[in-house]
Structures are given as structure tokens and as C-alpha cells.
mmCIF file of all heavy atoms, coordinates in Angstrom:
data_MODEL
# 
_entry.id   MODEL 
# 
loop_
_atom_site.group_PDB 
_atom_site.id 
_atom_site.type_symbol 
_atom_site.label_atom_id 
_atom_site.label_alt_id 
_atom_site.label_comp_id 
_atom_site.label_asym_id 
_atom_site.label_entity_id 
_atom_site.label_seq_id 
_atom_site.pdbx_PDB_ins_code 
_atom_site.Cartn_x 
_atom_site.Cartn_y 
_atom_site.Cartn_z 
_atom_site.occupancy 
_atom_site.B_iso_or_equiv 
_atom_site.pdbx_formal_charge 
_atom_site.auth_seq_id 
_atom_site.auth_comp_id 
_atom_site.auth_asym_id 
_atom_site.auth_atom_id 
_atom_site.pdbx_PDB_model_num 
ATOM 1   N N   . PRO A 1 1  ? -12.765 4.632  -9.060  1.00 0.00 ? 1  PRO A N   1 
ATOM 2   C CA  . PRO A 1 1  ? -13.105 3.986  -10.330 1.00 0.00 ? 1  PRO A CA  1 
ATOM 3   C C   . PRO A 1 1  ? -14.353 4.616  -10.951 1.00 0.00 ? 1  PRO A C   1 
ATOM 4   O O   . PRO A 1 1  ? -15.220 5.129  -10.246 1.00 0.00 ? 1  PRO A O   1 
ATOM 5   C CB  . PRO A 1 1  ? -13.387 2.530  -9.938  1.00 0.00 ? 1  PRO A CB  1 
ATOM 6   C CG  . PRO A 1 1  ? -12.851 2.373  -8.553  1.00 0.00 ? 1  PRO A CG  1 
ATOM 7   C CD  . PRO A 1 1  ? -12.834 3.723  -7.931  1.00 0.00 ? 1  PRO A CD  1 
ATOM 8   N N   . ALA A 1 2  ? -14.438 4.570  -12.246 1.00 0.00 ? 2  ALA A N   1 
ATOM 9   C CA  . ALA A 1 2  ? -15.615 5.081  -12.961 1.00 0.00 ? 2  ALA A CA  1 
ATOM 10  C C   . ALA A 1 2  ? -16.854 4.309  -12.503 1.00 0.00 ? 2  ALA A C   1 
ATOM 11  O O   . ALA A 1 2  ? -16.795 3.119  -12.201 1.00 0.00 ? 2  ALA A O   1 
ATOM 12  C CB  . ALA A 1 2  ? -15.412 4.932  -14.462 1.00 0.00 ? 2  ALA A CB  1 
ATOM 13  N N   . GLY A 1 3  ? -17.973 5.033  -12.407 1.00 0.00 ? 3  GLY A N   1 
ATOM 14  C CA  . GLY A 1 3  ? -19.243 4.400  -12.089 1.00 0.00 ? 3  GLY A CA  1 
ATOM 15  C C   . GLY A 1 3  ? -19.601 4.326  -10.622 1.00 0.00 ? 3  GLY A C   1 
ATOM 16  O O   . GLY A 1 3  ? -20.692 3.887  -10.272 1.00 0.00 ? 3  GLY A O   1 
ATOM 17  N N   . VAL A 1 4  ? -18.729 4.748  -9.736  1.00 0.00 ? 4  VAL A N   1 
ATOM 18  C CA  . VAL A 1 4  ? -19.019 4.689  -8.300  1.00 0.00 ? 4  VAL A CA  1 
ATOM 19  C C   . VAL A 1 4  ? -20.256 5.517  -7.960  1.00 0.00 ? 4  VAL A C   1 
ATOM 20  O O   . VAL A 1 4  ? -21.088 5.114  -7.157  1.00 0.00 ? 4  VAL A O   1 
ATOM 21  C CB  . VAL A 1 4  ? -17.803 5.144  -7.461  1.00 0.00 ? 4  VAL A CB  1 
ATOM 22  C CG1 . VAL A 1 4  ? -18.176 5.336  -5.992  1.00 0.00 ? 4  VAL A CG1 1 
ATOM 23  C CG2 . VAL A 1 4  ? -16.668 4.154  -7.590  1.00 0.00 ? 4  VAL A CG2 1 
ATOM 24  N N   . PHE A 1 5  ? -20.385 6.695  -8.575  1.00 0.00 ? 5  PHE A N   1 
ATOM 25  C CA  . PHE A 1 5  ? -21.514 7.580  -8.307  1.00 0.00 ? 5  PHE A CA  1 
ATOM 26  C C   . PHE A 1 5  ? -22.565 7.533  -9.420  1.00 0.00 ? 5  PHE A C   1 
ATOM 27  O O   . PHE A 1 5  ? -23.254 8.493  -9.687  1.00 0.00 ? 5  PHE A O   1 
ATOM 28  C CB  . PHE A 1 5  ? -21.042 9.019  -8.084  1.00 0.00 ? 5  PHE A CB  1 
ATOM 29  C CG  . PHE A 1 5  ? -20.160 9.169  -6.882  1.00 0.00 ? 5  PHE A CG  1 
ATOM 30  C CD1 . PHE A 1 5  ? -18.914 9.761  -7.004  1.00 0.00 ? 5  PHE A CD1 1 
ATOM 31  C CD2 . PHE A 1 5  ? -20.563 8.725  -5.633  1.00 0.00 ? 5  PHE A CD2 1 
ATOM 32  C CE1 . PHE A 1 5  ? -18.092 9.913  -5.894  1.00 0.00 ? 5  PHE A CE1 1 
ATOM 33  C CE2 . PHE A 1 5  ? -19.743 8.870  -4.525  1.00 0.00 ? 5  PHE A CE2 1 
ATOM 34  C CZ  . PHE A 1 5  ? -18.509 9.462  -4.650  1.00 0.00 ? 5  PHE A CZ  1 
ATOM 35  N N   . GLY A 1 6  ? -22.669 6.427  -10.095 1.00 0.00 ? 6  GLY A N   1 
ATOM 36  C CA  . GLY A 1 6  ? -23.657 6.272  -11.166 1.00 0.00 ? 6  GLY A CA  1 
ATOM 37  C C   . GLY A 1 6  ? -22.988 6.005  -12.497 1.00 0.00 ? 6  GLY A C   1 
ATOM 38  O O   . GLY A 1 6  ? -21.772 6.151  -12.646 1.00 0.00 ? 6  GLY A O   1 
ATOM 39  N N   . LYS A 1 7  ? -23.798 5.615  -13.473 1.00 0.00 ? 7  LYS A N   1 
ATOM 40  C CA  . LYS A 1 7  ? -23.244 5.194  -14.762 1.00 0.00 ? 7  LYS A CA  1 
ATOM 41  C C   . LYS A 1 7  ? -22.523 6.315  -15.512 1.00 0.00 ? 7  LYS A C   1 
ATOM 42  O O   . LYS A 1 7  ? -21.667 6.055  -16.336 1.00 0.00 ? 7  LYS A O   1 
ATOM 43  C CB  . LYS A 1 7  ? -24.335 4.588  -15.641 1.00 0.00 ? 7  LYS A CB  1 
ATOM 44  C CG  . LYS A 1 7  ? -25.410 5.566  -16.041 1.00 0.00 ? 7  LYS A CG  1 
ATOM 45  C CD  . LYS A 1 7  ? -26.438 4.905  -16.928 1.00 0.00 ? 7  LYS A CD  1 
ATOM 46  C CE  . LYS A 1 7  ? -27.457 5.969  -17.312 1.00 0.00 ? 7  LYS A CE  1 
ATOM 47  N NZ  . LYS A 1 7  ? -28.042 5.740  -18.573 1.00 0.00 ? 7  LYS A NZ  1 
ATOM 48  N N   . ASP A 1 8  ? -22.863 7.571  -15.206 1.00 0.00 ? 8  ASP A N   1 
ATOM 49  C CA  . ASP A 1 8  ? -22.210 8.691  -15.886 1.00 0.00 ? 8  ASP A CA  1 
ATOM 50  C C   . ASP A 1 8  ? -20.975 9.210  -15.144 1.00 0.00 ? 8  ASP A C   1 
ATOM 51  O O   . ASP A 1 8  ? -20.338 10.162 -15.597 1.00 0.00 ? 8  ASP A O   1 
ATOM 52  C CB  . ASP A 1 8  ? -23.206 9.842  -16.075 1.00 0.00 ? 8  ASP A CB  1 
ATOM 53  C CG  . ASP A 1 8  ? -24.350 9.454  -16.989 1.00 0.00 ? 8  ASP A CG  1 
ATOM 54  O OD1 . ASP A 1 8  ? -24.121 8.631  -17.905 1.00 0.00 ? 8  ASP A OD1 1 
ATOM 55  O OD2 . ASP A 1 8  ? -25.467 9.965  -16.801 1.00 0.00 ? 8  ASP A OD2 1 
ATOM 56  N N   . ASP A 1 9  ? -20.639 8.596  -14.026 1.00 0.00 ? 9  ASP A N   1 
ATOM 57  C CA  . ASP A 1 9  ? -19.476 9.020  -13.240 1.00 0.00 ? 9  ASP A CA  1 
ATOM 58  C C   . ASP A 1 9  ? -18.196 8.568  -13.945 1.00 0.00 ? 9  ASP A C   1 
ATOM 59  O O   . ASP A 1 9  ? -17.966 7.376  -14.090 1.00 0.00 ? 9  ASP A O   1 
ATOM 60  C CB  . ASP A 1 9  ? -19.553 8.417  -11.834 1.00 0.00 ? 9  ASP A CB  1 
ATOM 61  C CG  . ASP A 1 9  ? -18.332 8.718  -10.989 1.00 0.00 ? 9  ASP A CG  1 
ATOM 62  O OD1 . ASP A 1 9  ? -17.572 9.648  -11.322 1.00 0.00 ? 9  ASP A OD1 1 
ATOM 63  O OD2 . ASP A 1 9  ? -18.141 8.018  -9.977  1.00 0.00 ? 9  ASP A OD2 1 
ATOM 64  N N   . PRO A 1 10 ? -17.352 9.534  -14.379 1.00 0.00 ? 10 PRO A N   1 
ATOM 65  C CA  . PRO A 1 10 ? -16.130 9.159  -15.092 1.00 0.00 ? 10 PRO A CA  1 
ATOM 66  C C   . PRO A 1 10 ? -15.005 8.667  -14.174 1.00 0.00 ? 10 PRO A C   1 
ATOM 67  O O   . PRO A 1 10 ? -13.960 8.231  -14.639 1.00 0.00 ? 10 PRO A O   1 
ATOM 68  C CB  . PRO A 1 10 ? -15.721 10.462 -15.784 1.00 0.00 ? 10 PRO A CB  1 
ATOM 69  C CG  . PRO A 1 10 ? -16.234 11.535 -14.876 1.00 0.00 ? 10 PRO A CG  1 
ATOM 70  C CD  . PRO A 1 10 ? -17.513 10.977 -14.285 1.00 0.00 ? 10 PRO A CD  1 
ATOM 71  N N   . GLY A 1 11 ? -15.217 8.745  -12.875 1.00 0.00 ? 11 GLY A N   1 
ATOM 72  C CA  . GLY A 1 11 ? -14.144 8.390  -11.947 1.00 0.00 ? 11 GLY A CA  1 
ATOM 73  C C   . GLY A 1 11 ? -13.245 9.583  -11.704 1.00 0.00 ? 11 GLY A C   1 
ATOM 74  O O   . GLY A 1 11 ? -13.457 10.661 -12.239 1.00 0.00 ? 11 GLY A O   1 
ATOM 75  N N   . GLY A 1 12 ? -12.241 9.397  -10.906 1.00 0.00 ? 12 GLY A N   1 
ATOM 76  C CA  . GLY A 1 12 ? -11.315 10.483 -10.614 1.00 0.00 ? 12 GLY A CA  1 
ATOM 77  C C   . GLY A 1 12 ? -10.908 10.473 -9.160  1.00 0.00 ? 12 GLY A C   1 
ATOM 78  O O   . GLY A 1 12 ? -11.248 9.561  -8.408  1.00 0.00 ? 12 GLY A O   1 
ATOM 79  N N   . PRO A 1 13 ? -10.177 11.497 -8.734  1.00 0.00 ? 13 PRO A N   1 
ATOM 80  C CA  . PRO A 1 13 ? -9.730  11.533 -7.338  1.00 0.00 ? 13 PRO A CA  1 
ATOM 81  C C   . PRO A 1 13 ? -10.874 11.836 -6.375  1.00 0.00 ? 13 PRO A C   1 
ATOM 82  O O   . PRO A 1 13 ? -11.759 12.629 -6.685  1.00 0.00 ? 13 PRO A O   1 
ATOM 83  C CB  . PRO A 1 13 ? -8.693  12.647 -7.324  1.00 0.00 ? 13 PRO A CB  1 
ATOM 84  C CG  . PRO A 1 13 ? -9.040  13.511 -8.484  1.00 0.00 ? 13 PRO A CG  1 
ATOM 85  C CD  . PRO A 1 13 ? -9.689  12.626 -9.497  1.00 0.00 ? 13 PRO A CD  1 
ATOM 86  N N   . SER A 1 14 ? -10.866 11.184 -5.221  1.00 0.00 ? 14 SER A N   1 
ATOM 87  C CA  . SER A 1 14 ? -11.867 11.407 -4.172  1.00 0.00 ? 14 SER A CA  1 
ATOM 88  C C   . SER A 1 14 ? -11.188 11.369 -2.817  1.00 0.00 ? 14 SER A C   1 
ATOM 89  O O   . SER A 1 14 ? -10.256 10.591 -2.598  1.00 0.00 ? 14 SER A O   1 
ATOM 90  C CB  . SER A 1 14 ? -12.943 10.307 -4.183  1.00 0.00 ? 14 SER A CB  1 
ATOM 91  O OG  . SER A 1 14 ? -13.734 10.374 -5.323  1.00 0.00 ? 14 SER A OG  1 
ATOM 92  N N   . TRP A 1 15 ? -11.675 12.221 -1.915  1.00 0.00 ? 15 TRP A N   1 
ATOM 93  C CA  . TRP A 1 15 ? -11.187 12.167 -0.543  1.00 0.00 ? 15 TRP A CA  1 
ATOM 94  C C   . TRP A 1 15 ? -11.910 11.026 0.172   1.00 0.00 ? 15 TRP A C   1 
ATOM 95  O O   . TRP A 1 15 ? -13.126 10.946 0.139   1.00 0.00 ? 15 TRP A O   1 
ATOM 96  C CB  . TRP A 1 15 ? -11.452 13.484 0.177   1.00 0.00 ? 15 TRP A CB  1 
ATOM 97  C CG  . TRP A 1 15 ? -10.536 14.577 -0.262  1.00 0.00 ? 15 TRP A CG  1 
ATOM 98  C CD1 . TRP A 1 15 ? -10.839 15.619 -1.086  1.00 0.00 ? 15 TRP A CD1 1 
ATOM 99  C CD2 . TRP A 1 15 ? -9.160  14.733 0.087   1.00 0.00 ? 15 TRP A CD2 1 
ATOM 100 N NE1 . TRP A 1 15 ? -9.734  16.416 -1.268  1.00 0.00 ? 15 TRP A NE1 1 
ATOM 101 C CE2 . TRP A 1 15 ? -8.689  15.895 -0.562  1.00 0.00 ? 15 TRP A CE2 1 
ATOM 102 C CE3 . TRP A 1 15 ? -8.278  14.002 0.876   1.00 0.00 ? 15 TRP A CE3 1 
ATOM 103 C CZ2 . TRP A 1 15 ? -7.373  16.341 -0.433  1.00 0.00 ? 15 TRP A CZ2 1 
ATOM 104 C CZ3 . TRP A 1 15 ? -6.965  14.451 1.011   1.00 0.00 ? 15 TRP A CZ3 1 
ATOM 105 C CH2 . TRP A 1 15 ? -6.525  15.598 0.357   1.00 0.00 ? 15 TRP A CH2 1 
ATOM 106 N N   . VAL A 1 16 ? -11.132 10.156 0.809   1.00 0.00 ? 16 VAL A N   1 
ATOM 107 C CA  . VAL A 1 16 ? -11.667 8.995  1.503   1.00 0.00 ? 16 VAL A CA  1 
ATOM 108 C C   . VAL A 1 16 ? -11.265 9.087  2.974   1.00 0.00 ? 16 VAL A C   1 
ATOM 109 O O   . VAL A 1 16 ? -10.078 9.274  3.292   1.00 0.00 ? 16 VAL A O   1 
ATOM 110 C CB  . VAL A 1 16 ? -11.113 7.685  0.894   1.00 0.00 ? 16 VAL A CB  1 
ATOM 111 C CG1 . VAL A 1 16 ? -11.597 6.471  1.666   1.00 0.00 ? 16 VAL A CG1 1 
ATOM 112 C CG2 . VAL A 1 16 ? -11.477 7.582  -0.575  1.00 0.00 ? 16 VAL A CG2 1 
ATOM 113 N N   . THR A 1 17 ? -12.244 8.965  3.879   1.00 0.00 ? 17 THR A N   1 
ATOM 114 C CA  . THR A 1 17 ? -11.939 8.986  5.310   1.00 0.00 ? 17 THR A CA  1 
ATOM 115 C C   . THR A 1 17 ? -11.238 7.681  5.670   1.00 0.00 ? 17 THR A C   1 
ATOM 116 O O   . THR A 1 17 ? -11.738 6.593  5.393   1.00 0.00 ? 17 THR A O   1 
ATOM 117 C CB  . THR A 1 17 ? -13.223 9.152  6.138   1.00 0.00 ? 17 THR A CB  1 
ATOM 118 O OG1 . THR A 1 17 ? -13.838 10.395 5.775   1.00 0.00 ? 17 THR A OG1 1 
ATOM 119 C CG2 . THR A 1 17 ? -12.923 9.147  7.629   1.00 0.00 ? 17 THR A CG2 1 
ATOM 120 N N   . VAL A 1 18 ? -10.064 7.805  6.294   1.00 0.00 ? 18 VAL A N   1 
ATOM 121 C CA  . VAL A 1 18 ? -9.276  6.624  6.646   1.00 0.00 ? 18 VAL A CA  1 
ATOM 122 C C   . VAL A 1 18 ? -9.158  6.422  8.156   1.00 0.00 ? 18 VAL A C   1 
ATOM 123 O O   . VAL A 1 18 ? -8.608  5.431  8.617   1.00 0.00 ? 18 VAL A O   1 
ATOM 124 C CB  . VAL A 1 18 ? -7.864  6.682  6.011   1.00 0.00 ? 18 VAL A CB  1 
ATOM 125 C CG1 . VAL A 1 18 ? -7.968  6.616  4.493   1.00 0.00 ? 18 VAL A CG1 1 
ATOM 126 C CG2 . VAL A 1 18 ? -7.107  7.921  6.455   1.00 0.00 ? 18 VAL A CG2 1 
ATOM 127 N N   . GLY A 1 19 ? -9.684  7.351  8.931   1.00 0.00 ? 19 GLY A N   1 
ATOM 128 C CA  . GLY A 1 19 ? -9.626  7.208  10.383  1.00 0.00 ? 19 GLY A CA  1 
ATOM 129 C C   . GLY A 1 19 ? -9.993  8.504  11.072  1.00 0.00 ? 19 GLY A C   1 
ATOM 130 O O   . GLY A 1 19 ? -10.375 9.487  10.443  1.00 0.00 ? 19 GLY A O   1 
ATOM 131 N N   . GLY A 1 20 ? -9.885  8.478  12.393  1.00 0.00 ? 20 GLY A N   1 
ATOM 132 C CA  . GLY A 1 20 ? -10.190 9.660  13.182  1.00 0.00 ? 20 GLY A CA  1 
ATOM 133 C C   . GLY A 1 20 ? -9.642  9.519  14.579  1.00 0.00 ? 20 GLY A C   1 
ATOM 134 O O   . GLY A 1 20 ? -9.135  8.455  14.967  1.00 0.00 ? 20 GLY A O   1 
ATOM 135 N N   . ALA A 1 21 ? -9.742  10.585 15.350  1.00 0.00 ? 21 ALA A N   1 
ATOM 136 C CA  . ALA A 1 21 ? -9.208  10.577 16.714  1.00 0.00 ? 21 ALA A CA  1 
ATOM 137 C C   . ALA A 1 21 ? -9.770  11.762 17.488  1.00 0.00 ? 21 ALA A C   1 
ATOM 138 O O   . ALA A 1 21 ? -10.411 12.642 16.929  1.00 0.00 ? 21 ALA A O   1 
ATOM 139 C CB  . ALA A 1 21 ? -7.684  10.654 16.685  1.00 0.00 ? 21 ALA A CB  1 
ATOM 140 N N   . ARG A 1 22 ? -9.505  11.752 18.786  1.00 0.00 ? 22 ARG A N   1 
ATOM 141 C CA  . ARG A 1 22 ? -9.796  12.906 19.634  1.00 0.00 ? 22 ARG A CA  1 
ATOM 142 C C   . ARG A 1 22 ? -8.495  13.663 19.838  1.00 0.00 ? 22 ARG A C   1 
ATOM 143 O O   . ARG A 1 22 ? -7.415  13.085 19.766  1.00 0.00 ? 22 ARG A O   1 
ATOM 144 C CB  . ARG A 1 22 ? -10.330 12.457 21.002  1.00 0.00 ? 22 ARG A CB  1 
ATOM 145 C CG  . ARG A 1 22 ? -11.738 11.943 20.947  1.00 0.00 ? 22 ARG A CG  1 
ATOM 146 C CD  . ARG A 1 22 ? -12.408 11.794 22.292  1.00 0.00 ? 22 ARG A CD  1 
ATOM 147 N NE  . ARG A 1 22 ? -11.584 11.255 23.352  1.00 0.00 ? 22 ARG A NE  1 
ATOM 148 C CZ  . ARG A 1 22 ? -11.729 11.570 24.634  1.00 0.00 ? 22 ARG A CZ  1 
ATOM 149 N NH1 . ARG A 1 22 ? -12.643 12.429 25.013  1.00 0.00 ? 22 ARG A NH1 1 
ATOM 150 N NH2 . ARG A 1 22 ? -10.966 11.031 25.548  1.00 0.00 ? 22 ARG A NH2 1 
ATOM 151 N N   . PHE A 1 23 ? -8.624  14.958 20.143  1.00 0.00 ? 23 PHE A N   1 
ATOM 152 C CA  . PHE A 1 23 ? -7.419  15.744 20.421  1.00 0.00 ? 23 PHE A CA  1 
ATOM 153 C C   . PHE A 1 23 ? -7.647  16.645 21.622  1.00 0.00 ? 23 PHE A C   1 
ATOM 154 O O   . PHE A 1 23 ? -8.765  17.039 21.933  1.00 0.00 ? 23 PHE A O   1 
ATOM 155 C CB  . PHE A 1 23 ? -7.009  16.590 19.202  1.00 0.00 ? 23 PHE A CB  1 
ATOM 156 C CG  . PHE A 1 23 ? -8.003  17.667 18.843  1.00 0.00 ? 23 PHE A CG  1 
ATOM 157 C CD1 . PHE A 1 23 ? -7.949  18.923 19.444  1.00 0.00 ? 23 PHE A CD1 1 
ATOM 158 C CD2 . PHE A 1 23 ? -8.991  17.421 17.906  1.00 0.00 ? 23 PHE A CD2 1 
ATOM 159 C CE1 . PHE A 1 23 ? -8.870  19.916 19.113  1.00 0.00 ? 23 PHE A CE1 1 
ATOM 160 C CE2 . PHE A 1 23 ? -9.909  18.403 17.568  1.00 0.00 ? 23 PHE A CE2 1 
ATOM 161 C CZ  . PHE A 1 23 ? -9.854  19.648 18.171  1.00 0.00 ? 23 PHE A CZ  1 
ATOM 162 N N   . LEU A 1 24 ? -6.560  16.951 22.288  1.00 0.00 ? 24 LEU A N   1 
ATOM 163 C CA  . LEU A 1 24 ? -6.504  17.927 23.374  1.00 0.00 ? 24 LEU A CA  1 
ATOM 164 C C   . LEU A 1 24 ? -5.314  18.822 23.050  1.00 0.00 ? 24 LEU A C   1 
ATOM 165 O O   . LEU A 1 24 ? -4.176  18.352 23.021  1.00 0.00 ? 24 LEU A O   1 
ATOM 166 C CB  . LEU A 1 24 ? -6.283  17.245 24.726  1.00 0.00 ? 24 LEU A CB  1 
ATOM 167 C CG  . LEU A 1 24 ? -7.352  16.238 25.121  1.00 0.00 ? 24 LEU A CG  1 
ATOM 168 C CD1 . LEU A 1 24 ? -6.737  15.089 25.896  1.00 0.00 ? 24 LEU A CD1 1 
ATOM 169 C CD2 . LEU A 1 24 ? -8.405  16.919 25.943  1.00 0.00 ? 24 LEU A CD2 1 
ATOM 170 N N   . ASN A 1 25 ? -5.579  20.087 22.762  1.00 0.00 ? 25 ASN A N   1 
ATOM 171 C CA  . ASN A 1 25 ? -4.520  21.026 22.411  1.00 0.00 ? 25 ASN A CA  1 
ATOM 172 C C   . ASN A 1 25 ? -4.454  22.137 23.453  1.00 0.00 ? 25 ASN A C   1 
ATOM 173 O O   . ASN A 1 25 ? -5.467  22.763 23.753  1.00 0.00 ? 25 ASN A O   1 
ATOM 174 C CB  . ASN A 1 25 ? -4.774  21.644 21.034  1.00 0.00 ? 25 ASN A CB  1 
ATOM 175 C CG  . ASN A 1 25 ? -4.710  20.622 19.922  1.00 0.00 ? 25 ASN A CG  1 
ATOM 176 O OD1 . ASN A 1 25 ? -4.050  19.602 20.036  1.00 0.00 ? 25 ASN A OD1 1 
ATOM 177 N ND2 . ASN A 1 25 ? -5.395  20.893 18.840  1.00 0.00 ? 25 ASN A ND2 1 
ATOM 178 N N   . ILE A 1 26 ? -3.279  22.367 23.971  1.00 0.00 ? 26 ILE A N   1 
ATOM 179 C CA  . ILE A 1 26 ? -3.071  23.445 24.932  1.00 0.00 ? 26 ILE A CA  1 
ATOM 180 C C   . ILE A 1 26 ? -2.446  24.622 24.191  1.00 0.00 ? 26 ILE A C   1 
ATOM 181 O O   . ILE A 1 26 ? -1.413  24.476 23.531  1.00 0.00 ? 26 ILE A O   1 
ATOM 182 C CB  . ILE A 1 26 ? -2.160  22.998 26.091  1.00 0.00 ? 26 ILE A CB  1 
ATOM 183 C CG1 . ILE A 1 26 ? -2.841  21.874 26.874  1.00 0.00 ? 26 ILE A CG1 1 
ATOM 184 C CG2 . ILE A 1 26 ? -1.824  24.183 26.998  1.00 0.00 ? 26 ILE A CG2 1 
ATOM 185 C CD1 . ILE A 1 26 ? -1.975  21.228 27.928  1.00 0.00 ? 26 ILE A CD1 1 
ATOM 186 N N   . TYR A 1 27 ? -3.121  25.768 24.281  1.00 0.00 ? 27 TYR A N   1 
ATOM 187 C CA  . TYR A 1 27 ? -2.636  26.996 23.665  1.00 0.00 ? 27 TYR A CA  1 
ATOM 188 C C   . TYR A 1 27 ? -2.200  27.961 24.756  1.00 0.00 ? 27 TYR A C   1 
ATOM 189 O O   . TYR A 1 27 ? -2.941  28.207 25.698  1.00 0.00 ? 27 TYR A O   1 
ATOM 190 C CB  . TYR A 1 27 ? -3.733  27.664 22.832  1.00 0.00 ? 27 TYR A CB  1 
ATOM 191 C CG  . TYR A 1 27 ? -4.013  26.979 21.525  1.00 0.00 ? 27 TYR A CG  1 
ATOM 192 C CD1 . TYR A 1 27 ? -4.898  25.920 21.450  1.00 0.00 ? 27 TYR A CD1 1 
ATOM 193 C CD2 . TYR A 1 27 ? -3.378  27.401 20.361  1.00 0.00 ? 27 TYR A CD2 1 
ATOM 194 C CE1 . TYR A 1 27 ? -5.157  25.293 20.243  1.00 0.00 ? 27 TYR A CE1 1 
ATOM 195 C CE2 . TYR A 1 27 ? -3.635  26.785 19.153  1.00 0.00 ? 27 TYR A CE2 1 
ATOM 196 C CZ  . TYR A 1 27 ? -4.525  25.725 19.099  1.00 0.00 ? 27 TYR A CZ  1 
ATOM 197 O OH  . TYR A 1 27 ? -4.783  25.101 17.910  1.00 0.00 ? 27 TYR A OH  1 
ATOM 198 N N   . GLN A 1 28 ? -1.019  28.516 24.593  1.00 0.00 ? 28 GLN A N   1 
ATOM 199 C CA  . GLN A 1 28 ? -0.497  29.511 25.530  1.00 0.00 ? 28 GLN A CA  1 
ATOM 200 C C   . GLN A 1 28 ? -0.730  30.905 24.952  1.00 0.00 ? 28 GLN A C   1 
ATOM 201 O O   . GLN A 1 28 ? -0.492  31.146 23.766  1.00 0.00 ? 28 GLN A O   1 
ATOM 202 C CB  . GLN A 1 28 ? 1.000   29.288 25.753  1.00 0.00 ? 28 GLN A CB  1 
ATOM 203 C CG  . GLN A 1 28 ? 1.609   30.248 26.738  1.00 0.00 ? 28 GLN A CG  1 
ATOM 204 C CD  . GLN A 1 28 ? 3.089   29.966 26.958  1.00 0.00 ? 28 GLN A CD  1 
ATOM 205 O OE1 . GLN A 1 28 ? 3.618   28.930 26.581  1.00 0.00 ? 28 GLN A OE1 1 
ATOM 206 N NE2 . GLN A 1 28 ? 3.763   30.916 27.578  1.00 0.00 ? 28 GLN A NE2 1 
# 
């Protein structure tokens, strides 16, 4: 939404972190 980053912020698409995890990858 407009204004999230201050009064001059017009809004727009933003990347939002929705989660995370650990990984174990085996490479041959």
C-alpha cells in the first residue's frame, strides 16, 4: 500500500519474507 515507506511512497510490489527453513543437499 502507498505510504508504507513514508508519505511519498507511492506503493507497489514488494518482496515479503513468508518463511524459512534449513536444508541439507547432497551433490554427486
